[in-house]
Amino acid sequence: MTHPIIQDLNSRYTVKKYDASKRISTDDMDVIKEALRLSASSINSQPWKFIVIESDAAKQRFHDSFANKYQFNQPHAKEASHTILFAYDPHFTKEKFSKRVDAEVSSGHLPADRYDAFMGAYAFAQANTDANGYNGGWTKSQLYLALGNLLHTLARLGIASTPMEGVDAQMLTELFKDELDGHICEVALAMGYHKDGEDYNHGLPKARLAQDDIITVL
């Protein structure tokens, strides 16, 4: 199939070795950040923060977060051009949601007289909130919508990537406390360009199940 979307998805793969000498351009980073901002989320909740690791100092902090475990991902901390920490809000309150509804109105997407009705959508979050106000299971799920969106964006830009659930959430909370501001990071995305001759995953054919094995058309 030659459709551009399929070409994007066939070209995307998980990088195992980055070329530290190659950097993502400022223009491409602008597209990446805007793609993150435009990501979908349930009830437009946007219960997230995205921390872009770009400077050598920030890369060192991220590198240090692998001191106790997941060392197989540690090289990406300094070799990738950039890494994004995907962090979710574990206590997404109705008050926080109201700021999203304010944006709905100010953008012109929601008529002002529908404000209270849209606030009722918080029931979706409330249904996933426990007695202690924790709804991190629900808000973390929203992160994967943004992650999937960004993976395709990067493929279209010709930028390689490595999704990583192998990160130490406790260490990241300590090392990026101010930036995370109460959010929790359990997944990150390294981005950049593969190292010629050293990235064993580069150029291999896709290994996916057949459509008939996973898709049922009724």
Protein backbone atom coordinates (compact mmCIF):
# COMPACT_ATOMS: atom_id res chain seq x y z
CA MET A 1 0.00 0.00 0.00
CA THR A 2 1.41 3.39 -1.02
CA HIS A 3 -0.78 5.75 1.02
CA PRO A 4 1.38 8.34 2.86
CA ILE A 5 -0.06 7.33 6.24
CA ILE A 6 0.92 3.70 5.67
CA GLN A 7 4.34 4.78 4.48
CA ASP A 8 4.77 6.78 7.70
CA LEU A 9 3.81 3.82 9.86
CA ASN A 10 6.01 1.40 7.94
CA SER A 11 9.01 3.70 8.34
CA ARG A 12 8.53 4.20 12.09
CA TYR A 13 10.42 1.87 14.41
CA THR A 14 12.00 1.86 17.87
CA VAL A 15 15.56 3.13 17.76
CA LYS A 16 18.16 1.21 19.76
CA LYS A 17 21.16 3.49 19.18
CA TYR A 18 21.17 7.24 18.54
CA ASP A 19 23.70 9.46 16.81
CA ALA A 20 24.53 12.04 19.48
CA SER A 21 25.95 14.43 16.87
CA LYS A 22 22.59 14.96 15.15
CA ARG A 23 20.03 17.40 16.51
CA ILE A 24 16.37 17.98 15.76
CA SER A 25 15.90 21.41 14.19
CA THR A 26 14.13 24.24 15.96
CA ASP A 27 11.42 24.25 13.28
CA ASP A 28 10.75 20.54 13.77
CA MET A 29 10.66 20.98 17.55
CA ASP A 30 8.04 23.68 17.09
CA VAL A 31 5.90 21.20 15.14
CA ILE A 32 6.46 18.52 17.78
CA LYS A 33 5.40 20.78 20.64
CA GLU A 34 2.31 21.98 18.78
CA ALA A 35 1.37 18.39 17.92
CA LEU A 36 1.53 17.55 21.62
CA ARG A 37 -0.67 20.53 22.46
CA LEU A 38 -3.26 19.43 19.89
CA SER A 39 -3.45 15.84 21.17
CA ALA A 40 -6.87 14.42 21.96
CA SER A 41 -8.01 13.53 25.48
CA SER A 42 -11.25 12.37 27.05
CA ILE A 43 -13.60 15.32 27.69
CA ASN A 44 -10.71 17.53 26.53
CA SER A 45 -9.27 17.02 30.01
CA GLN A 46 -5.61 17.48 29.00
CA PRO A 47 -4.48 16.13 32.42
CA TRP A 48 -0.82 16.22 31.55
CA LYS A 49 2.53 17.96 31.45
CA PHE A 50 5.23 17.38 28.84
CA ILE A 51 8.80 18.08 29.94
CA VAL A 52 11.15 18.55 26.97
CA ILE A 53 14.71 17.54 27.81
CA GLU A 54 17.02 19.44 25.50
CA SER A 55 19.97 20.99 27.37
CA ASP A 56 23.05 19.07 28.50
CA ALA A 57 22.15 19.83 32.12
CA ALA A 58 18.66 18.38 31.75
CA LYS A 59 20.07 15.35 29.92
CA GLN A 60 22.42 14.75 32.83
CA ARG A 61 19.52 14.81 35.28
CA PHE A 62 17.61 12.35 33.13
CA HIS A 63 20.73 10.18 32.84
CA ASP A 64 21.03 10.20 36.65
CA SER A 65 17.46 8.91 36.99
CA PHE A 66 18.63 5.49 35.75
CA ALA A 67 20.95 4.97 38.74
CA ASN A 68 18.85 2.18 40.23
CA LYS A 69 17.17 0.41 37.31
CA TYR A 70 16.37 0.35 33.61
CA GLN A 71 20.00 1.01 32.71
CA PHE A 72 19.36 -0.41 29.22
CA ASN A 73 17.60 2.88 28.42
CA GLN A 74 20.24 5.09 30.04
CA PRO A 75 22.33 5.69 26.87
CA HIS A 76 19.34 7.36 25.21
CA ALA A 77 19.40 10.06 27.90
CA LYS A 78 22.49 11.70 26.42
CA GLU A 79 22.64 10.30 22.88
CA ALA A 80 19.10 11.20 21.76
CA SER A 81 18.64 14.73 20.49
CA HIS A 82 15.69 15.32 22.81
CA THR A 83 13.56 13.34 25.25
CA ILE A 84 10.04 14.16 26.35
CA LEU A 85 8.74 13.15 29.77
CA PHE A 86 5.03 12.34 29.54
CA ALA A 87 3.53 13.09 32.96
CA TYR A 88 -0.04 12.71 34.20
CA ASP A 89 -1.95 14.46 36.97
CA PRO A 90 -2.87 11.87 39.63
CA HIS A 91 -5.45 14.17 41.22
CA PHE A 92 -7.35 15.80 38.37
CA THR A 93 -10.02 17.84 40.15
CA LYS A 94 -13.20 19.49 38.95
CA GLU A 95 -11.56 22.86 39.58
CA LYS A 96 -8.73 21.94 37.19
CA PHE A 97 -11.24 20.76 34.61
CA SER A 98 -13.00 24.13 34.80
CA LYS A 99 -9.86 25.77 33.36
CA ARG A 100 -10.23 23.53 30.31
CA VAL A 101 -13.87 24.55 29.98
CA ASP A 102 -12.79 28.19 30.22
CA ALA A 103 -10.53 27.51 27.22
CA GLU A 104 -13.45 25.87 25.40
CA VAL A 105 -15.40 29.13 25.72
CA SER A 106 -12.54 31.57 25.07
CA SER A 107 -11.53 29.67 21.91
CA GLY A 108 -15.03 29.94 20.51
CA HIS A 109 -15.47 26.17 20.49
CA LEU A 110 -18.12 26.19 23.23
CA PRO A 111 -20.97 28.71 23.48
CA ALA A 112 -20.81 30.49 26.85
CA ASP A 113 -24.34 29.44 27.70
CA ARG A 114 -23.22 25.78 27.46
CA TYR A 115 -20.54 26.20 30.14
CA ASP A 116 -22.44 24.49 32.97
CA ALA A 117 -23.58 21.67 30.71
CA PHE A 118 -20.02 20.95 29.63
CA MET A 119 -18.85 21.00 33.24
CA GLY A 120 -21.10 17.98 33.68
CA ALA A 121 -18.65 15.99 31.56
CA TYR A 122 -16.40 15.84 34.62
CA ALA A 123 -18.56 12.87 35.58
CA PHE A 124 -16.26 10.76 33.35
CA ALA A 125 -13.30 11.67 35.56
CA GLN A 126 -15.34 11.39 38.75
CA ALA A 127 -16.30 7.83 37.84
CA ASN A 128 -12.60 6.98 37.88
CA THR A 129 -11.75 8.85 41.10
CA ASP A 130 -11.36 7.03 44.40
CA ALA A 131 -12.19 8.22 47.91
CA ASN A 132 -8.77 9.88 48.19
CA GLY A 133 -9.23 11.89 45.01
CA TYR A 134 -6.84 9.69 43.01
CA ASN A 135 -7.71 9.24 39.33
CA GLY A 136 -4.23 8.56 37.97
CA GLY A 137 -5.29 5.40 36.18
CA TRP A 138 -7.68 7.43 34.05
CA THR A 139 -5.38 10.40 33.49
CA LYS A 140 -2.42 8.19 32.62
CA SER A 141 -4.53 6.60 29.88
CA GLN A 142 -4.87 10.02 28.26
CA LEU A 143 -1.07 10.23 27.91
CA TYR A 144 -1.05 7.34 25.47
CA LEU A 145 -3.34 9.26 23.12
CA ALA A 146 -0.71 12.00 23.04
CA LEU A 147 2.10 9.47 22.69
CA GLY A 148 0.46 7.78 19.70
CA ASN A 149 -0.18 11.14 18.09
CA LEU A 150 3.45 12.14 18.50
CA LEU A 151 4.82 8.85 17.18
CA HIS A 152 3.04 9.45 13.88
CA THR A 153 4.08 13.10 13.85
CA LEU A 154 7.72 12.09 14.22
CA ALA A 155 7.41 9.49 11.48
CA ARG A 156 6.06 12.16 9.14
CA LEU A 157 8.99 14.43 10.03
CA GLY A 158 11.52 11.65 9.46
CA ILE A 159 12.60 11.72 13.10
CA ALA A 160 13.34 8.46 14.92
CA SER A 161 12.01 7.67 18.38
CA THR A 162 12.05 5.26 21.31
CA PRO A 163 9.03 5.01 23.65
CA MET A 164 10.24 4.06 27.13
CA GLU A 165 8.14 2.75 30.00
CA GLY A 166 11.47 1.66 31.47
CA VAL A 167 11.94 4.84 33.51
CA ASP A 168 12.16 5.26 37.27
CA ALA A 169 9.12 7.30 38.28
CA GLN A 170 10.36 7.79 41.83
CA MET A 171 13.75 9.11 40.72
CA LEU A 172 12.17 11.34 38.09
CA THR A 173 9.84 12.79 40.72
CA GLU A 174 12.87 13.70 42.81
CA LEU A 175 15.08 15.01 40.01
CA PHE A 176 12.38 16.94 38.13
CA LYS A 177 10.20 17.89 41.11
CA ASP A 178 9.78 21.55 40.18
CA GLU A 179 9.02 20.88 36.53
CA LEU A 180 6.60 18.01 37.18
CA ASP A 181 4.69 20.05 39.78
CA GLY A 182 2.90 17.06 41.28
CA HIS A 183 2.53 15.17 38.01
CA ILE A 184 3.90 11.64 37.63
CA CYS A 185 6.11 10.42 34.79
CA GLU A 186 6.08 6.72 34.00
CA VAL A 187 6.75 6.93 30.28
CA ALA A 188 9.17 8.97 28.18
CA LEU A 189 9.98 9.33 24.49
CA ALA A 190 13.53 9.69 23.19
CA MET A 191 13.82 11.37 19.79
CA GLY A 192 16.56 11.97 17.26
CA TYR A 193 18.39 10.10 14.50
CA HIS A 194 19.74 6.56 14.49
CA LYS A 195 23.42 5.71 14.56
CA ASP A 196 24.48 4.23 11.22
CA GLY A 197 25.83 0.72 11.58
CA GLU A 198 25.04 0.48 15.31
CA ASP A 199 21.24 0.55 15.46
CA TYR A 200 20.38 -3.12 15.00
CA ASN A 201 16.67 -2.37 14.70
CA HIS A 202 17.04 -0.05 11.71
CA GLY A 203 15.77 -1.16 8.31
CA LEU A 204 14.13 -4.39 9.43
CA PRO A 205 10.72 -5.38 8.04
CA LYS A 206 7.61 -4.91 10.16
CA ALA A 207 6.53 -7.90 12.24
CA ARG A 208 2.79 -7.49 12.69
CA LEU A 209 -0.09 -9.94 12.82
CA ALA A 210 -2.29 -10.20 9.76
CA GLN A 211 -5.37 -7.95 9.61
CA ASP A 212 -7.65 -10.99 9.75
CA ASP A 213 -6.10 -11.97 13.09
CA ILE A 214 -6.90 -8.68 14.80
CA ILE A 215 -9.69 -6.92 12.90
CA THR A 216 -13.29 -8.11 12.69
CA VAL A 217 -15.58 -6.33 10.25
CA LEU A 218 -19.30 -6.76 10.94
